[in-house]
């Protein structure tokens, strides 16, 4: 959204006011039904990043002499970039790299390249983008679109403990943009770019658009991730219908919720905590009897496993059925 709430209200009031003045009509009371704008702000989703996949530099080596010409073309682009020659601009090298990679995919689909050759091409292409990103400048207008593309291609993948389809269904269904912010390491510079993926098995379980300044970006600026402590993200303005519209794709249920009351002095207290769905709850929604499942499992365990293992195995399953449908927090709390 590239306008403020005040600007929006001013435009509505001024437009109606101008018309009323022009036709000498009494100024009306203005009542606005702005559903999402009124209700979205009251709810925030807070959850952990459970893993990150980042690009890691690997040594690159020239293709075999007998390799297809397209691989040699990509190697020549890499050599030109390393040598900093003036006869090819950084923009030209990038465009050639993209074109060559597309040709590699075409030749692979036609059976002209094998898996090893395709893997080599993708690795050299990523390394070239990594080096280009460090040399391009936001001050150069021609470089800006390239930087956006490389930020997206080289972005960290944040695997986040939530289901997009349960908690942010409008991000998937109507491409609604929700503000997302890191809540951890706020004393550190946001030197990384990331894309957010949920823990469902669906490739659509990813956020494609992020609010940044007055615009929309395809990646999110974040501080570097570490697994030494919880790394939390906040998803804001989710109070408009998301909980009602959410569905149990992959059997991820309702999340834990808390009602937080803010006081005039800036402090707060938690008024109410409600546990989200357990595995057993979700199974019941699917008309599956978790107690029957446990009894049948007990019969199989007693029939096939040593008696000394029965109690631990059955206790583990019972605990799992009572547990959260999302990943339990690796740092000791749900």
C-alpha atoms as a PDB file:
ATOM      1  CA  UNK A   1       0.000   0.000   0.000  1.00  0.00           C
ATOM      2  CA  UNK A   2       1.669   3.214  -1.132  1.00  0.00           C
ATOM      3  CA  UNK A   3      -0.557   5.647   0.777  1.00  0.00           C
ATOM      4  CA  UNK A   4      -1.283   6.368   4.429  1.00  0.00           C
ATOM      5  CA  UNK A   5      -4.572   6.018   6.281  1.00  0.00           C
ATOM      6  CA  UNK A   6      -4.706   9.802   6.680  1.00  0.00           C
ATOM      7  CA  UNK A   7      -4.191  10.350   2.946  1.00  0.00           C
ATOM      8  CA  UNK A   8      -6.966   7.857   2.203  1.00  0.00           C
ATOM      9  CA  UNK A   9      -9.372   9.588   4.609  1.00  0.00           C
ATOM     10  CA  UNK A  10      -8.452  13.050   3.326  1.00  0.00           C
ATOM     11  CA  UNK A  11      -9.164  12.085  -0.271  1.00  0.00           C
ATOM     12  CA  UNK A  12     -12.570  10.619   0.609  1.00  0.00           C
ATOM     13  CA  UNK A  13     -13.604  13.623   2.721  1.00  0.00           C
ATOM     14  CA  UNK A  14     -12.284  16.248   0.298  1.00  0.00           C
ATOM     15  CA  UNK A  15     -13.949  14.616  -2.705  1.00  0.00           C
ATOM     16  CA  UNK A  16     -17.341  14.456  -0.992  1.00  0.00           C
ATOM     17  CA  UNK A  17     -16.859  17.975   0.358  1.00  0.00           C
ATOM     18  CA  UNK A  18     -16.079  19.419  -3.072  1.00  0.00           C
ATOM     19  CA  UNK A  19     -19.207  17.860  -4.577  1.00  0.00           C
ATOM     20  CA  UNK A  20     -21.385  19.097  -1.713  1.00  0.00           C
ATOM     21  CA  UNK A  21     -20.027  22.637  -2.064  1.00  0.00           C
ATOM     22  CA  UNK A  22     -20.500  22.624  -5.828  1.00  0.00           C
ATOM     23  CA  UNK A  23     -24.181  21.671  -5.545  1.00  0.00           C
ATOM     24  CA  UNK A  24     -24.859  23.483  -2.257  1.00  0.00           C
ATOM     25  CA  UNK A  25     -25.704  20.265  -0.449  1.00  0.00           C
ATOM     26  CA  UNK A  26     -25.509  19.852   3.318  1.00  0.00           C
ATOM     27  CA  UNK A  27     -22.330  18.062   4.394  1.00  0.00           C
ATOM     28  CA  UNK A  28     -23.182  14.431   5.252  1.00  0.00           C
ATOM     29  CA  UNK A  29     -22.010  12.152   8.029  1.00  0.00           C
ATOM     30  CA  UNK A  30     -19.533   9.790   6.389  1.00  0.00           C
ATOM     31  CA  UNK A  31     -19.718   6.156   7.471  1.00  0.00           C
ATOM     32  CA  UNK A  32     -17.104   3.840   5.985  1.00  0.00           C
ATOM     33  CA  UNK A  33     -17.253   0.043   5.951  1.00  0.00           C
ATOM     34  CA  UNK A  34     -13.582  -0.824   5.663  1.00  0.00           C
ATOM     35  CA  UNK A  35     -13.631  -4.425   6.845  1.00  0.00           C
ATOM     36  CA  UNK A  36     -10.030  -5.486   6.460  1.00  0.00           C
ATOM     37  CA  UNK A  37      -8.662  -2.128   7.529  1.00  0.00           C
ATOM     38  CA  UNK A  38     -10.743  -2.162  10.721  1.00  0.00           C
ATOM     39  CA  UNK A  39     -10.155  -5.741  11.803  1.00  0.00           C
ATOM     40  CA  UNK A  40      -6.753  -6.720  10.408  1.00  0.00           C
ATOM     41  CA  UNK A  41      -4.643  -4.943  13.019  1.00  0.00           C
ATOM     42  CA  UNK A  42      -5.809  -6.822  16.107  1.00  0.00           C
ATOM     43  CA  UNK A  43      -4.016 -10.114  15.374  1.00  0.00           C
ATOM     44  CA  UNK A  44      -0.359 -11.022  14.877  1.00  0.00           C
ATOM     45  CA  UNK A  45       1.081 -14.451  14.065  1.00  0.00           C
ATOM     46  CA  UNK A  46       4.421 -15.127  15.802  1.00  0.00           C
ATOM     47  CA  UNK A  47       6.397 -18.247  14.998  1.00  0.00           C
ATOM     48  CA  UNK A  48       9.919 -19.644  14.708  1.00  0.00           C
ATOM     49  CA  UNK A  49      12.262 -20.214  11.815  1.00  0.00           C
ATOM     50  CA  UNK A  50      13.116 -23.919  12.112  1.00  0.00           C
ATOM     51  CA  UNK A  51      15.760 -24.128   9.394  1.00  0.00           C
ATOM     52  CA  UNK A  52      17.518 -22.157   6.678  1.00  0.00           C
ATOM     53  CA  UNK A  53      18.930 -23.100   3.307  1.00  0.00           C
ATOM     54  CA  UNK A  54      21.581 -20.657   2.098  1.00  0.00           C
ATOM     55  CA  UNK A  55      23.736 -20.474  -0.987  1.00  0.00           C
ATOM     56  CA  UNK A  56      27.253 -21.661  -0.221  1.00  0.00           C
ATOM     57  CA  UNK A  57      30.187 -20.950  -2.476  1.00  0.00           C
ATOM     58  CA  UNK A  58      31.795 -23.982  -4.024  1.00  0.00           C
ATOM     59  CA  UNK A  59      34.919 -24.255  -6.129  1.00  0.00           C
ATOM     60  CA  UNK A  60      34.248 -24.021  -9.841  1.00  0.00           C
ATOM     61  CA  UNK A  61      36.231 -25.816 -12.502  1.00  0.00           C
ATOM     62  CA  UNK A  62      36.217 -25.726 -16.313  1.00  0.00           C
ATOM     63  CA  UNK A  63      34.076 -28.165 -18.277  1.00  0.00           C
ATOM     64  CA  UNK A  64      35.584 -31.157 -20.024  1.00  0.00           C
ATOM     65  CA  UNK A  65      37.056 -30.452 -23.454  1.00  0.00           C
ATOM     66  CA  UNK A  66      34.395 -32.679 -24.986  1.00  0.00           C
ATOM     67  CA  UNK A  67      31.541 -30.943 -23.130  1.00  0.00           C
ATOM     68  CA  UNK A  68      28.778 -29.273 -25.175  1.00  0.00           C
ATOM     69  CA  UNK A  69      29.549 -25.775 -26.434  1.00  0.00           C
ATOM     70  CA  UNK A  70      26.928 -24.162 -24.204  1.00  0.00           C
ATOM     71  CA  UNK A  71      28.932 -25.149 -21.112  1.00  0.00           C
ATOM     72  CA  UNK A  72      32.079 -23.623 -22.588  1.00  0.00           C
ATOM     73  CA  UNK A  73      30.125 -20.420 -23.252  1.00  0.00           C
ATOM     74  CA  UNK A  74      29.186 -20.241 -19.579  1.00  0.00           C
ATOM     75  CA  UNK A  75      32.790 -20.827 -18.557  1.00  0.00           C
ATOM     76  CA  UNK A  76      33.934 -17.987 -20.828  1.00  0.00           C
ATOM     77  CA  UNK A  77      31.463 -15.640 -19.097  1.00  0.00           C
ATOM     78  CA  UNK A  78      32.906 -16.678 -15.741  1.00  0.00           C
ATOM     79  CA  UNK A  79      36.442 -16.054 -16.981  1.00  0.00           C
ATOM     80  CA  UNK A  80      35.489 -12.614 -18.302  1.00  0.00           C
ATOM     81  CA  UNK A  81      33.959 -11.682 -14.963  1.00  0.00           C
ATOM     82  CA  UNK A  82      37.039 -12.827 -13.057  1.00  0.00           C
ATOM     83  CA  UNK A  83      39.366 -10.947 -15.395  1.00  0.00           C
ATOM     84  CA  UNK A  84      37.313  -7.739 -15.164  1.00  0.00           C
ATOM     85  CA  UNK A  85      37.688  -7.183 -18.884  1.00  0.00           C
ATOM     86  CA  UNK A  86      36.097  -4.062 -20.341  1.00  0.00           C
ATOM     87  CA  UNK A  87      34.801  -5.594 -23.567  1.00  0.00           C
ATOM     88  CA  UNK A  88      31.730  -7.031 -21.803  1.00  0.00           C
ATOM     89  CA  UNK A  89      29.652  -5.100 -19.304  1.00  0.00           C
ATOM     90  CA  UNK A  90      28.351  -6.662 -16.117  1.00  0.00           C
ATOM     91  CA  UNK A  91      24.831  -6.383 -17.519  1.00  0.00           C
ATOM     92  CA  UNK A  92      25.832  -8.220 -20.689  1.00  0.00           C
ATOM     93  CA  UNK A  93      27.520 -10.993 -18.713  1.00  0.00           C
ATOM     94  CA  UNK A  94      24.368 -11.433 -16.638  1.00  0.00           C
ATOM     95  CA  UNK A  95      22.086 -11.529 -19.678  1.00  0.00           C
ATOM     96  CA  UNK A  96      24.344 -14.064 -21.396  1.00  0.00           C
ATOM     97  CA  UNK A  97      24.380 -16.161 -18.238  1.00  0.00           C
ATOM     98  CA  UNK A  98      20.579 -16.204 -18.079  1.00  0.00           C
ATOM     99  CA  UNK A  99      20.276 -17.050 -21.759  1.00  0.00           C
ATOM    100  CA  UNK A 100      22.857 -19.827 -21.523  1.00  0.00           C
ATOM    101  CA  UNK A 101      21.164 -21.332 -18.469  1.00  0.00           C
ATOM    102  CA  UNK A 102      17.808 -21.367 -20.260  1.00  0.00           C
ATOM    103  CA  UNK A 103      19.467 -23.136 -23.195  1.00  0.00           C
ATOM    104  CA  UNK A 104      20.968 -25.685 -20.789  1.00  0.00           C
ATOM    105  CA  UNK A 105      17.483 -26.478 -19.465  1.00  0.00           C
ATOM    106  CA  UNK A 106      16.189 -26.861 -23.020  1.00  0.00           C
ATOM    107  CA  UNK A 107      19.014 -29.174 -24.047  1.00  0.00           C
ATOM    108  CA  UNK A 108      18.600 -31.202 -20.858  1.00  0.00           C
ATOM    109  CA  UNK A 109      14.886 -31.660 -21.573  1.00  0.00           C
ATOM    110  CA  UNK A 110      15.779 -32.859 -25.079  1.00  0.00           C
ATOM    111  CA  UNK A 111      18.280 -35.389 -23.723  1.00  0.00           C
ATOM    112  CA  UNK A 112      21.319 -33.547 -25.089  1.00  0.00           C
ATOM    113  CA  UNK A 113      22.799 -32.908 -21.612  1.00  0.00           C
ATOM    114  CA  UNK A 114      23.059 -35.296 -18.669  1.00  0.00           C
ATOM    115  CA  UNK A 115      22.434 -34.624 -14.969  1.00  0.00           C
ATOM    116  CA  UNK A 116      26.092 -33.942 -14.234  1.00  0.00           C
ATOM    117  CA  UNK A 117      26.330 -31.350 -16.997  1.00  0.00           C
ATOM    118  CA  UNK A 118      23.131 -29.633 -15.905  1.00  0.00           C
ATOM    119  CA  UNK A 119      24.330 -29.551 -12.287  1.00  0.00           C
ATOM    120  CA  UNK A 120      27.640 -28.019 -13.402  1.00  0.00           C
ATOM    121  CA  UNK A 121      25.806 -25.341 -15.392  1.00  0.00           C
ATOM    122  CA  UNK A 122      23.533 -24.402 -12.508  1.00  0.00           C
ATOM    123  CA  UNK A 123      26.447 -24.244 -10.093  1.00  0.00           C
ATOM    124  CA  UNK A 124      28.534 -21.972 -12.317  1.00  0.00           C
ATOM    125  CA  UNK A 125      25.475 -19.803 -12.961  1.00  0.00           C
ATOM    126  CA  UNK A 126      24.833 -19.351  -9.233  1.00  0.00           C
ATOM    127  CA  UNK A 127      28.483 -18.579  -8.543  1.00  0.00           C
ATOM    128  CA  UNK A 128      28.497 -16.012 -11.330  1.00  0.00           C
ATOM    129  CA  UNK A 129      25.373 -14.358  -9.884  1.00  0.00           C
ATOM    130  CA  UNK A 130      26.968 -14.342  -6.432  1.00  0.00           C
ATOM    131  CA  UNK A 131      30.038 -12.506  -7.741  1.00  0.00           C
ATOM    132  CA  UNK A 132      27.959 -10.152  -9.881  1.00  0.00           C
ATOM    133  CA  UNK A 133      25.786  -9.170  -6.925  1.00  0.00           C
ATOM    134  CA  UNK A 134      28.861  -7.855  -5.092  1.00  0.00           C
ATOM    135  CA  UNK A 135      29.908  -5.710  -8.071  1.00  0.00           C
ATOM    136  CA  UNK A 136      26.579  -4.229  -9.126  1.00  0.00           C
ATOM    137  CA  UNK A 137      25.545  -0.878  -7.664  1.00  0.00           C
ATOM    138  CA  UNK A 138      22.122   0.436  -6.675  1.00  0.00           C
ATOM    139  CA  UNK A 139      23.339   3.853  -7.858  1.00  0.00           C
ATOM    140  CA  UNK A 140      23.405   2.562 -11.435  1.00  0.00           C
ATOM    141  CA  UNK A 141      19.862   2.539 -12.834  1.00  0.00           C
ATOM    142  CA  UNK A 142      20.666  -0.314 -15.233  1.00  0.00           C
ATOM    143  CA  UNK A 143      21.894  -2.471 -12.349  1.00  0.00           C
ATOM    144  CA  UNK A 144      18.795  -2.192 -10.131  1.00  0.00           C
ATOM    145  CA  UNK A 145      16.565  -4.737 -11.944  1.00  0.00           C
ATOM    146  CA  UNK A 146      19.476  -7.177 -12.001  1.00  0.00           C
ATOM    147  CA  UNK A 147      20.058  -6.762  -8.276  1.00  0.00           C
ATOM    148  CA  UNK A 148      16.383  -7.484  -7.602  1.00  0.00           C
ATOM    149  CA  UNK A 149      16.601 -10.684  -9.644  1.00  0.00           C
ATOM    150  CA  UNK A 150      19.794 -11.796  -7.917  1.00  0.00           C
ATOM    151  CA  UNK A 151      18.434 -11.012  -4.459  1.00  0.00           C
ATOM    152  CA  UNK A 152      15.593 -13.392  -5.259  1.00  0.00           C
ATOM    153  CA  UNK A 153      17.785 -16.099  -6.755  1.00  0.00           C
ATOM    154  CA  UNK A 154      20.404 -16.028  -3.994  1.00  0.00           C
ATOM    155  CA  UNK A 155      17.995 -15.421  -1.111  1.00  0.00           C
ATOM    156  CA  UNK A 156      18.096 -17.607   1.972  1.00  0.00           C
ATOM    157  CA  UNK A 157      15.151 -19.979   2.266  1.00  0.00           C
ATOM    158  CA  UNK A 158      13.569 -19.641   5.701  1.00  0.00           C
ATOM    159  CA  UNK A 159      11.562 -22.715   6.686  1.00  0.00           C
ATOM    160  CA  UNK A 160       9.037 -21.382   9.162  1.00  0.00           C
ATOM    161  CA  UNK A 161       6.911 -23.342  11.635  1.00  0.00           C
ATOM    162  CA  UNK A 162       3.479 -22.538  10.217  1.00  0.00           C
ATOM    163  CA  UNK A 163       1.064 -23.423   7.427  1.00  0.00           C
ATOM    164  CA  UNK A 164       0.356 -20.676   4.910  1.00  0.00           C
ATOM    165  CA  UNK A 165      -2.969 -22.343   4.102  1.00  0.00           C
ATOM    166  CA  UNK A 166      -4.049 -22.355   7.768  1.00  0.00           C
ATOM    167  CA  UNK A 167      -2.732 -19.001   8.998  1.00  0.00           C
ATOM    168  CA  UNK A 168      -2.376 -16.784   5.891  1.00  0.00           C
ATOM    169  CA  UNK A 169      -4.753 -18.279   3.305  1.00  0.00           C
ATOM    170  CA  UNK A 170      -5.261 -14.937   1.532  1.00  0.00           C
ATOM    171  CA  UNK A 171      -1.538 -14.756   0.733  1.00  0.00           C
ATOM    172  CA  UNK A 172      -2.077 -17.869  -1.366  1.00  0.00           C
ATOM    173  CA  UNK A 173      -5.663 -17.351  -2.518  1.00  0.00           C
ATOM    174  CA  UNK A 174      -5.776 -13.673  -3.540  1.00  0.00           C
ATOM    175  CA  UNK A 175      -2.106 -12.632  -3.252  1.00  0.00           C
ATOM    176  CA  UNK A 176      -2.826 -10.440  -0.230  1.00  0.00           C
ATOM    177  CA  UNK A 177       0.352  -8.815   1.069  1.00  0.00           C
ATOM    178  CA  UNK A 178       0.971  -9.103   4.821  1.00  0.00           C
ATOM    179  CA  UNK A 179       3.725  -7.152   6.597  1.00  0.00           C
ATOM    180  CA  UNK A 180       6.399  -9.545   7.887  1.00  0.00           C
ATOM    181  CA  UNK A 181       9.180  -8.542  10.267  1.00  0.00           C
ATOM    182  CA  UNK A 182      11.944 -10.372  12.114  1.00  0.00           C
ATOM    183  CA  UNK A 183      11.438 -10.135  15.881  1.00  0.00           C
ATOM    184  CA  UNK A 184      14.878 -11.493  16.747  1.00  0.00           C
ATOM    185  CA  UNK A 185      18.349  -9.944  16.415  1.00  0.00           C
ATOM    186  CA  UNK A 186      16.915  -6.460  16.001  1.00  0.00           C
ATOM    187  CA  UNK A 187      20.257  -5.075  17.175  1.00  0.00           C
ATOM    188  CA  UNK A 188      21.875  -6.485  14.026  1.00  0.00           C
ATOM    189  CA  UNK A 189      21.823  -5.113  10.495  1.00  0.00           C
ATOM    190  CA  UNK A 190      19.459  -6.884   8.051  1.00  0.00           C
ATOM    191  CA  UNK A 191      22.282  -7.952   5.758  1.00  0.00           C
ATOM    192  CA  UNK A 192      20.573 -11.036   4.302  1.00  0.00           C
ATOM    193  CA  UNK A 193      17.657 -11.465   1.914  1.00  0.00           C
ATOM    194  CA  UNK A 194      15.211 -14.296   2.523  1.00  0.00           C
ATOM    195  CA  UNK A 195      12.062 -15.932   1.211  1.00  0.00           C
ATOM    196  CA  UNK A 196       9.631 -17.582   3.613  1.00  0.00           C
ATOM    197  CA  UNK A 197       8.377 -21.132   3.149  1.00  0.00           C
ATOM    198  CA  UNK A 198       5.993 -23.027   5.401  1.00  0.00           C
ATOM    199  CA  UNK A 199       6.346 -26.647   6.559  1.00  0.00           C
ATOM    200  CA  UNK A 200       3.630 -28.135   4.360  1.00  0.00           C
ATOM    201  CA  UNK A 201       4.595 -30.354   1.450  1.00  0.00           C
ATOM    202  CA  UNK A 202       3.059 -27.923  -1.050  1.00  0.00           C
ATOM    203  CA  UNK A 203       5.245 -25.751  -3.271  1.00  0.00           C
ATOM    204  CA  UNK A 204       2.552 -23.049  -3.015  1.00  0.00           C
ATOM    205  CA  UNK A 205       3.327 -22.761   0.696  1.00  0.00           C
ATOM    206  CA  UNK A 206       5.600 -19.760   0.188  1.00  0.00           C
ATOM    207  CA  UNK A 207       5.261 -16.000   0.553  1.00  0.00           C
ATOM    208  CA  UNK A 208       6.055 -14.273  -2.734  1.00  0.00           C
ATOM    209  CA  UNK A 209       5.598 -10.588  -1.825  1.00  0.00           C
ATOM    210  CA  UNK A 210       7.016  -8.550   1.062  1.00  0.00           C
ATOM    211  CA  UNK A 211       6.374  -4.990   2.185  1.00  0.00           C
ATOM    212  CA  UNK A 212       9.546  -2.912   2.189  1.00  0.00           C
ATOM    213  CA  UNK A 213       9.436   0.847   2.628  1.00  0.00           C
ATOM    214  CA  UNK A 214       6.810   2.180   0.240  1.00  0.00           C
ATOM    215  CA  UNK A 215       7.031  -0.743  -2.168  1.00  0.00           C
ATOM    216  CA  UNK A 216       6.727  -4.486  -2.610  1.00  0.00           C
ATOM    217  CA  UNK A 217       9.762  -6.780  -2.902  1.00  0.00           C
ATOM    218  CA  UNK A 218      10.161 -10.458  -3.778  1.00  0.00           C
ATOM    219  CA  UNK A 219      12.491 -11.035  -0.801  1.00  0.00           C
ATOM    220  CA  UNK A 220      12.659  -9.867   2.814  1.00  0.00           C
ATOM    221  CA  UNK A 221      15.626  -8.093   4.405  1.00  0.00           C
ATOM    222  CA  UNK A 222      16.567  -9.983   7.594  1.00  0.00           C
ATOM    223  CA  UNK A 223      19.423 -10.339  10.088  1.00  0.00           C
ATOM    224  CA  UNK A 224      21.487 -13.498   9.657  1.00  0.00           C
ATOM    225  CA  UNK A 225      19.899 -16.642  11.113  1.00  0.00           C
ATOM    226  CA  UNK A 226      21.528 -18.767  13.804  1.00  0.00           C
ATOM    227  CA  UNK A 227      20.269 -21.948  15.463  1.00  0.00           C
ATOM    228  CA  UNK A 228      21.761 -21.002  18.842  1.00  0.00           C
ATOM    229  CA  UNK A 229      18.555 -19.263  19.970  1.00  0.00           C
ATOM    230  CA  UNK A 230      14.965 -18.936  18.735  1.00  0.00           C
ATOM    231  CA  UNK A 231      14.662 -16.828  15.591  1.00  0.00           C
ATOM    232  CA  UNK A 232      11.127 -15.482  15.468  1.00  0.00           C
ATOM    233  CA  UNK A 233       9.131 -13.747  12.764  1.00  0.00           C
ATOM    234  CA  UNK A 234       5.964 -11.694  13.125  1.00  0.00           C
ATOM    235  CA  UNK A 235       3.216 -11.723  10.499  1.00  0.00           C
ATOM    236  CA  UNK A 236       1.058  -8.637  10.959  1.00  0.00           C
ATOM    237  CA  UNK A 237      -2.480  -7.551  10.013  1.00  0.00           C
ATOM    238  CA  UNK A 238      -3.760 -11.135   9.978  1.00  0.00           C
ATOM    239  CA  UNK A 239      -6.926 -10.309  11.949  1.00  0.00           C
ATOM    240  CA  UNK A 240      -9.165 -10.013   8.894  1.00  0.00           C
ATOM    241  CA  UNK A 241     -10.747 -13.409   8.303  1.00  0.00           C
ATOM    242  CA  UNK A 242      -7.529 -15.462   8.171  1.00  0.00           C
ATOM    243  CA  UNK A 243      -8.418 -17.680  11.131  1.00  0.00           C
ATOM    244  CA  UNK A 244     -11.891 -18.334   9.696  1.00  0.00           C
ATOM    245  CA  UNK A 245     -10.682 -18.952   6.142  1.00  0.00           C
ATOM    246  CA  UNK A 246      -7.735 -21.170   7.129  1.00  0.00           C
ATOM    247  CA  UNK A 247      -7.878 -24.837   6.184  1.00  0.00           C
ATOM    248  CA  UNK A 248      -6.169 -27.980   7.445  1.00  0.00           C
ATOM    249  CA  UNK A 249      -3.968 -28.676   4.430  1.00  0.00           C
ATOM    250  CA  UNK A 250      -1.524 -31.422   5.475  1.00  0.00           C
ATOM    251  CA  UNK A 251      -3.560 -31.642   8.707  1.00  0.00           C
ATOM    252  CA  UNK A 252      -1.982 -28.596  10.330  1.00  0.00           C
ATOM    253  CA  UNK A 253      -4.604 -27.322  12.773  1.00  0.00           C
ATOM    254  CA  UNK A 254      -5.369 -24.103  14.604  1.00  0.00           C
ATOM    255  CA  UNK A 255      -2.387 -22.450  16.280  1.00  0.00           C
ATOM    256  CA  UNK A 256      -2.029 -21.553  19.952  1.00  0.00           C
ATOM    257  CA  UNK A 257      -3.522 -18.125  20.654  1.00  0.00           C
ATOM    258  CA  UNK A 258      -3.107 -15.536  23.392  1.00  0.00           C
ATOM    259  CA  UNK A 259      -5.090 -12.392  24.155  1.00  0.00           C
ATOM    260  CA  UNK A 260      -2.732  -9.572  25.136  1.00  0.00           C
ATOM    261  CA  UNK A 261      -3.976  -6.404  26.817  1.00  0.00           C
ATOM    262  CA  UNK A 262      -1.829  -3.274  26.426  1.00  0.00           C
ATOM    263  CA  UNK A 263      -1.877  -0.736  29.264  1.00  0.00           C
ATOM    264  CA  UNK A 264      -1.660   3.070  28.949  1.00  0.00           C
ATOM    265  CA  UNK A 265       1.828   3.072  30.477  1.00  0.00           C
ATOM    266  CA  UNK A 266       3.132   0.823  27.676  1.00  0.00           C
ATOM    267  CA  UNK A 267       3.175  -2.385  29.695  1.00  0.00           C
ATOM    268  CA  UNK A 268       1.001  -5.375  28.901  1.00  0.00           C
ATOM    269  CA  UNK A 269      -0.394  -8.546  30.367  1.00  0.00           C
ATOM    270  CA  UNK A 270      -1.674 -11.793  28.875  1.00  0.00           C
ATOM    271  CA  UNK A 271      -5.361 -12.238  29.643  1.00  0.00           C
ATOM    272  CA  UNK A 272      -6.118 -15.562  28.029  1.00  0.00           C
ATOM    273  CA  UNK A 273      -4.225 -18.437  26.415  1.00  0.00           C
ATOM    274  CA  UNK A 274      -5.958 -21.031  24.267  1.00  0.00           C
ATOM    275  CA  UNK A 275      -4.172 -24.128  23.050  1.00  0.00           C
ATOM    276  CA  UNK A 276      -4.296 -24.940  19.365  1.00  0.00           C
ATOM    277  CA  UNK A 277      -5.378 -28.244  17.881  1.00  0.00           C
ATOM    278  CA  UNK A 278      -3.658 -31.431  18.957  1.00  0.00           C
ATOM    279  CA  UNK A 279      -2.921 -34.302  16.591  1.00  0.00           C
ATOM    280  CA  UNK A 280      -5.842 -36.168  18.162  1.00  0.00           C
ATOM    281  CA  UNK A 281      -8.165 -33.199  17.517  1.00  0.00           C
ATOM    282  CA  UNK A 282      -7.243 -33.089  13.854  1.00  0.00           C
ATOM    283  CA  UNK A 283      -7.717 -36.838  13.466  1.00  0.00           C
ATOM    284  CA  UNK A 284     -11.210 -36.499  14.947  1.00  0.00           C
ATOM    285  CA  UNK A 285     -12.019 -33.750  12.433  1.00  0.00           C
ATOM    286  CA  UNK A 286     -11.128 -36.300   9.764  1.00  0.00           C
ATOM    287  CA  UNK A 287     -13.469 -38.844  11.433  1.00  0.00           C
ATOM    288  CA  UNK A 288     -10.580 -40.973  12.682  1.00  0.00           C
ATOM    289  CA  UNK A 289     -10.668 -42.365  16.217  1.00  0.00           C
ATOM    290  CA  UNK A 290      -7.288 -41.756  17.874  1.00  0.00           C
ATOM    291  CA  UNK A 291      -8.190 -44.047  20.808  1.00  0.00           C
ATOM    292  CA  UNK A 292      -8.992 -46.897  18.411  1.00  0.00           C
ATOM    293  CA  UNK A 293      -5.754 -46.186  16.556  1.00  0.00           C
ATOM    294  CA  UNK A 294      -3.808 -46.376  19.829  1.00  0.00           C
ATOM    295  CA  UNK A 295      -5.459 -49.685  20.812  1.00  0.00           C
ATOM    296  CA  UNK A 296      -4.738 -51.260  17.421  1.00  0.00           C
ATOM    297  CA  UNK A 297      -1.159 -50.043  17.594  1.00  0.00           C
ATOM    298  CA  UNK A 298      -0.823 -51.550  21.080  1.00  0.00           C
ATOM    299  CA  UNK A 299      -1.900 -54.954  19.732  1.00  0.00           C
ATOM    300  CA  UNK A 300       0.759 -54.787  16.991  1.00  0.00           C
ATOM    301  CA  UNK A 301       3.468 -53.671  19.423  1.00  0.00           C
ATOM    302  CA  UNK A 302       2.737 -56.494  21.859  1.00  0.00           C
ATOM    303  CA  UNK A 303       2.655 -58.995  19.019  1.00  0.00           C
ATOM    304  CA  UNK A 304       5.915 -58.059  17.320  1.00  0.00           C
ATOM    305  CA  UNK A 305       8.215 -56.290  19.818  1.00  0.00           C
ATOM    306  CA  UNK A 306       9.939 -57.306  23.071  1.00  0.00           C
ATOM    307  CA  UNK A 307       7.919 -56.664  26.223  1.00  0.00           C
ATOM    308  CA  UNK A 308      10.665 -54.419  27.600  1.00  0.00           C
ATOM    309  CA  UNK A 309       9.968 -51.899  24.798  1.00  0.00           C
ATOM    310  CA  UNK A 310       6.159 -51.847  24.992  1.00  0.00           C
ATOM    311  CA  UNK A 311       5.686 -49.109  27.583  1.00  0.00           C
ATOM    312  CA  UNK A 312       8.096 -46.593  26.024  1.00  0.00           C
ATOM    313  CA  UNK A 313       6.768 -47.051  22.484  1.00  0.00           C
ATOM    314  CA  UNK A 314       3.115 -46.754  23.496  1.00  0.00           C
ATOM    315  CA  UNK A 315       3.846 -43.742  25.705  1.00  0.00           C
ATOM    316  CA  UNK A 316       5.607 -42.024  22.812  1.00  0.00           C
ATOM    317  CA  UNK A 317       2.624 -42.530  20.501  1.00  0.00           C
ATOM    318  CA  UNK A 318       0.141 -41.387  23.159  1.00  0.00           C
ATOM    319  CA  UNK A 319       2.206 -38.259  23.754  1.00  0.00           C
ATOM    320  CA  UNK A 320       2.342 -37.603  20.018  1.00  0.00           C
ATOM    321  CA  UNK A 321      -1.439 -37.852  19.676  1.00  0.00           C
ATOM    322  CA  UNK A 322      -1.826 -35.272  22.434  1.00  0.00           C
ATOM    323  CA  UNK A 323       0.863 -33.016  20.972  1.00  0.00           C
ATOM    324  CA  UNK A 324       0.777 -29.964  18.710  1.00  0.00           C
ATOM    325  CA  UNK A 325       0.286 -30.390  14.967  1.00  0.00           C
ATOM    326  CA  UNK A 326       3.255 -28.067  14.356  1.00  0.00           C
ATOM    327  CA  UNK A 327       6.885 -28.732  15.191  1.00  0.00           C
ATOM    328  CA  UNK A 328       7.603 -28.546  18.895  1.00  0.00           C
ATOM    329  CA  UNK A 329      10.044 -25.767  19.711  1.00  0.00           C
ATOM    330  CA  UNK A 330      13.635 -27.032  19.638  1.00  0.00           C
ATOM    331  CA  UNK A 331      14.519 -24.664  22.479  1.00  0.00           C
ATOM    332  CA  UNK A 332      12.207 -26.307  24.979  1.00  0.00           C
ATOM    333  CA  UNK A 333       8.802 -24.646  24.745  1.00  0.00           C
ATOM    334  CA  UNK A 334       5.802 -24.986  22.501  1.00  0.00           C
END
